C-alpha atoms as a PDB file:
ATOM      1  CA  ILE A   1      -0.811  -6.303   7.722  1.00  0.00           C
ATOM      2  CA  GLU A   2       1.296  -9.107   6.292  1.00  0.00           C
ATOM      3  CA  ALA A   3       1.072  -7.654   2.790  1.00  0.00           C
ATOM      4  CA  LEU A   4       2.195  -4.224   3.998  1.00  0.00           C
ATOM      5  CA  ILE A   5       5.191  -5.679   5.815  1.00  0.00           C
ATOM      6  CA  PHE A   6       6.116  -7.950   2.909  1.00  0.00           C
ATOM      7  CA  ALA A   7       5.813  -5.209   0.297  1.00  0.00           C
ATOM      8  CA  SER A   8       7.920  -2.798   2.320  1.00  0.00           C
ATOM      9  CA  GLY A   9      11.139  -4.781   2.307  1.00  0.00           C
ATOM     10  CA  ASP A  10      12.365  -2.592   5.174  1.00  0.00           C
ATOM     11  CA  PRO A  11      11.267  -2.998   8.793  1.00  0.00           C
ATOM     12  CA  VAL A  12       7.859  -1.437   9.423  1.00  0.00           C
ATOM     13  CA  SER A  13       7.013   0.180  12.750  1.00  0.00           C
ATOM     14  CA  ILE A  14       3.803  -0.525  14.581  1.00  0.00           C
ATOM     15  CA  GLU A  15       2.989   3.181  14.351  1.00  0.00           C
ATOM     16  CA  LYS A  16       3.265   3.124  10.572  1.00  0.00           C
ATOM     17  CA  LEU A  17       1.134  -0.020  10.360  1.00  0.00           C
ATOM     18  CA  GLY A  18      -1.464   1.584  12.604  1.00  0.00           C
ATOM     19  CA  SER A  19      -1.651   4.652  10.395  1.00  0.00           C
ATOM     20  CA  TYR A  20      -2.210   2.524   7.279  1.00  0.00           C
ATOM     21  CA  ILE A  21      -4.919   0.315   8.686  1.00  0.00           C
ATOM     22  CA  GLU A  22      -6.378   2.774  11.201  1.00  0.00           C
ATOM     23  CA  LEU A  23      -6.067   0.507  14.227  1.00  0.00           C
ATOM     24  CA  ASP A  24      -5.013   1.533  17.723  1.00  0.00           C
ATOM     25  CA  SER A  25      -1.674   0.284  19.035  1.00  0.00           C
ATOM     26  CA  THR A  26      -3.175  -1.947  21.744  1.00  0.00           C
ATOM     27  CA  ASN A  27      -5.160  -4.023  19.241  1.00  0.00           C
ATOM     28  CA  LEU A  28      -2.349  -3.950  16.709  1.00  0.00           C
ATOM     29  CA  GLU A  29       0.179  -5.218  19.263  1.00  0.00           C
ATOM     30  CA  LYS A  30      -2.089  -8.184  20.021  1.00  0.00           C
ATOM     31  CA  ILE A  31      -2.505  -8.918  16.314  1.00  0.00           C
ATOM     32  CA  MET A  32       1.260  -8.695  15.785  1.00  0.00           C
ATOM     33  CA  GLY A  33       1.841 -11.128  18.656  1.00  0.00           C
ATOM     34  CA  ASP A  34      -0.577 -13.567  17.042  1.00  0.00           C
ATOM     35  CA  LEU A  35       1.106 -13.138  13.645  1.00  0.00           C
ATOM     36  CA  LEU A  36       4.588 -13.674  15.122  1.00  0.00           C
ATOM     37  CA  ASP A  37       3.365 -16.919  16.728  1.00  0.00           C
ATOM     38  CA  LYS A  38       1.733 -18.034  13.479  1.00  0.00           C
ATOM     39  CA  TRP A  39       4.872 -17.433  11.403  1.00  0.00           C
ATOM     40  CA  LYS A  40       7.153 -18.982  14.052  1.00  0.00           C
ATOM     41  CA  LYS A  41       5.225 -22.248  13.709  1.00  0.00           C
ATOM     42  CA  SER A  42       5.082 -22.156   9.903  1.00  0.00           C
ATOM     43  CA  SER A  43       7.326 -24.167   7.629  1.00  0.00           C
ATOM     44  CA  HIS A  44       7.999 -21.564   4.967  1.00  0.00           C
ATOM     45  CA  GLY A  45      11.265 -20.265   3.573  1.00  0.00           C
ATOM     46  CA  PHE A  46      10.766 -16.965   5.359  1.00  0.00           C
ATOM     47  CA  LYS A  47       9.490 -15.845   8.742  1.00  0.00           C
ATOM     48  CA  LEU A  48       8.097 -12.716  10.351  1.00  0.00           C
ATOM     49  CA  TYR A  49      10.442 -11.124  12.870  1.00  0.00           C
ATOM     50  CA  GLU A  50      10.311  -8.247  15.312  1.00  0.00           C
ATOM     51  CA  VAL A  51      13.669  -6.803  14.305  1.00  0.00           C
ATOM     52  CA  SER A  52      13.737  -3.957  16.780  1.00  0.00           C
ATOM     53  CA  ASP A  53      11.333  -2.523  19.300  1.00  0.00           C
ATOM     54  CA  SER A  54       7.933  -2.762  17.569  1.00  0.00           C
ATOM     55  CA  CYS A  55       9.383  -2.917  14.037  1.00  0.00           C
ATOM     56  CA  TYR A  56       8.564  -5.943  11.894  1.00  0.00           C
ATOM     57  CA  GLN A  57      10.080  -7.518   8.794  1.00  0.00           C
ATOM     58  CA  PHE A  58       9.911 -10.736   6.813  1.00  0.00           C
ATOM     59  CA  ARG A  59      13.300 -12.443   6.599  1.00  0.00           C
ATOM     60  CA  THR A  60      14.669 -15.686   5.245  1.00  0.00           C
ATOM     61  CA  ASP A  61      14.312 -18.572   7.688  1.00  0.00           C
ATOM     62  CA  PRO A  62      17.780 -19.136   9.192  1.00  0.00           C
ATOM     63  CA  ASP A  63      17.502 -22.821   8.257  1.00  0.00           C
ATOM     64  CA  PHE A  64      17.603 -21.760   4.590  1.00  0.00           C
ATOM     65  CA  SER A  65      19.908 -18.719   4.754  1.00  0.00           C
ATOM     66  CA  GLU A  66      23.106 -20.445   3.665  1.00  0.00           C
ATOM     67  CA  LYS A  67      21.432 -22.225   0.740  1.00  0.00           C
ATOM     68  CA  VAL A  68      19.613 -19.086  -0.417  1.00  0.00           C
ATOM     69  CA  GLU A  69      22.770 -16.986  -0.209  1.00  0.00           C
ATOM     70  CA  LYS A  70      24.793 -19.558  -2.177  1.00  0.00           C
ATOM     71  CA  ASP A  71      22.102 -20.007  -4.860  1.00  0.00           C
ATOM     72  CA  ALA A  72      21.523 -16.260  -5.161  1.00  0.00           C
ATOM     73  CA  MET A  73      25.201 -15.747  -5.937  1.00  0.00           C
ATOM     74  CA  SER A  74      25.049 -18.299  -8.763  1.00  0.00           C
ATOM     75  CA  VAL A  75      22.042 -16.540 -10.332  1.00  0.00           C
ATOM     76  CA  LYS A  76      23.950 -13.260 -10.715  1.00  0.00           C
END
C-alpha cells in the first residue's frame, strides 16, 4: 500500500488502492488508519496524509518544508 501511494505522486483514493490489492474497503480503511498513525509518529522527512476524503498521499513533513523548498531552488 505504501509503495503504491509513494510511486503515484498524486493522491490515491481508497477505491483505487482496493482495486490494486483486492481488499474490501472496510479492511482497507482500518489498514489506512493504522498507517496514518504509524507515519504520524515517525521521524522521517515525509509523512502520509489523508489529503481529501479517503485519498492518501506522501508529503514533506511541514517541519522540513521551508528547508526543502529553499534547497530545491538552489539545486535547479
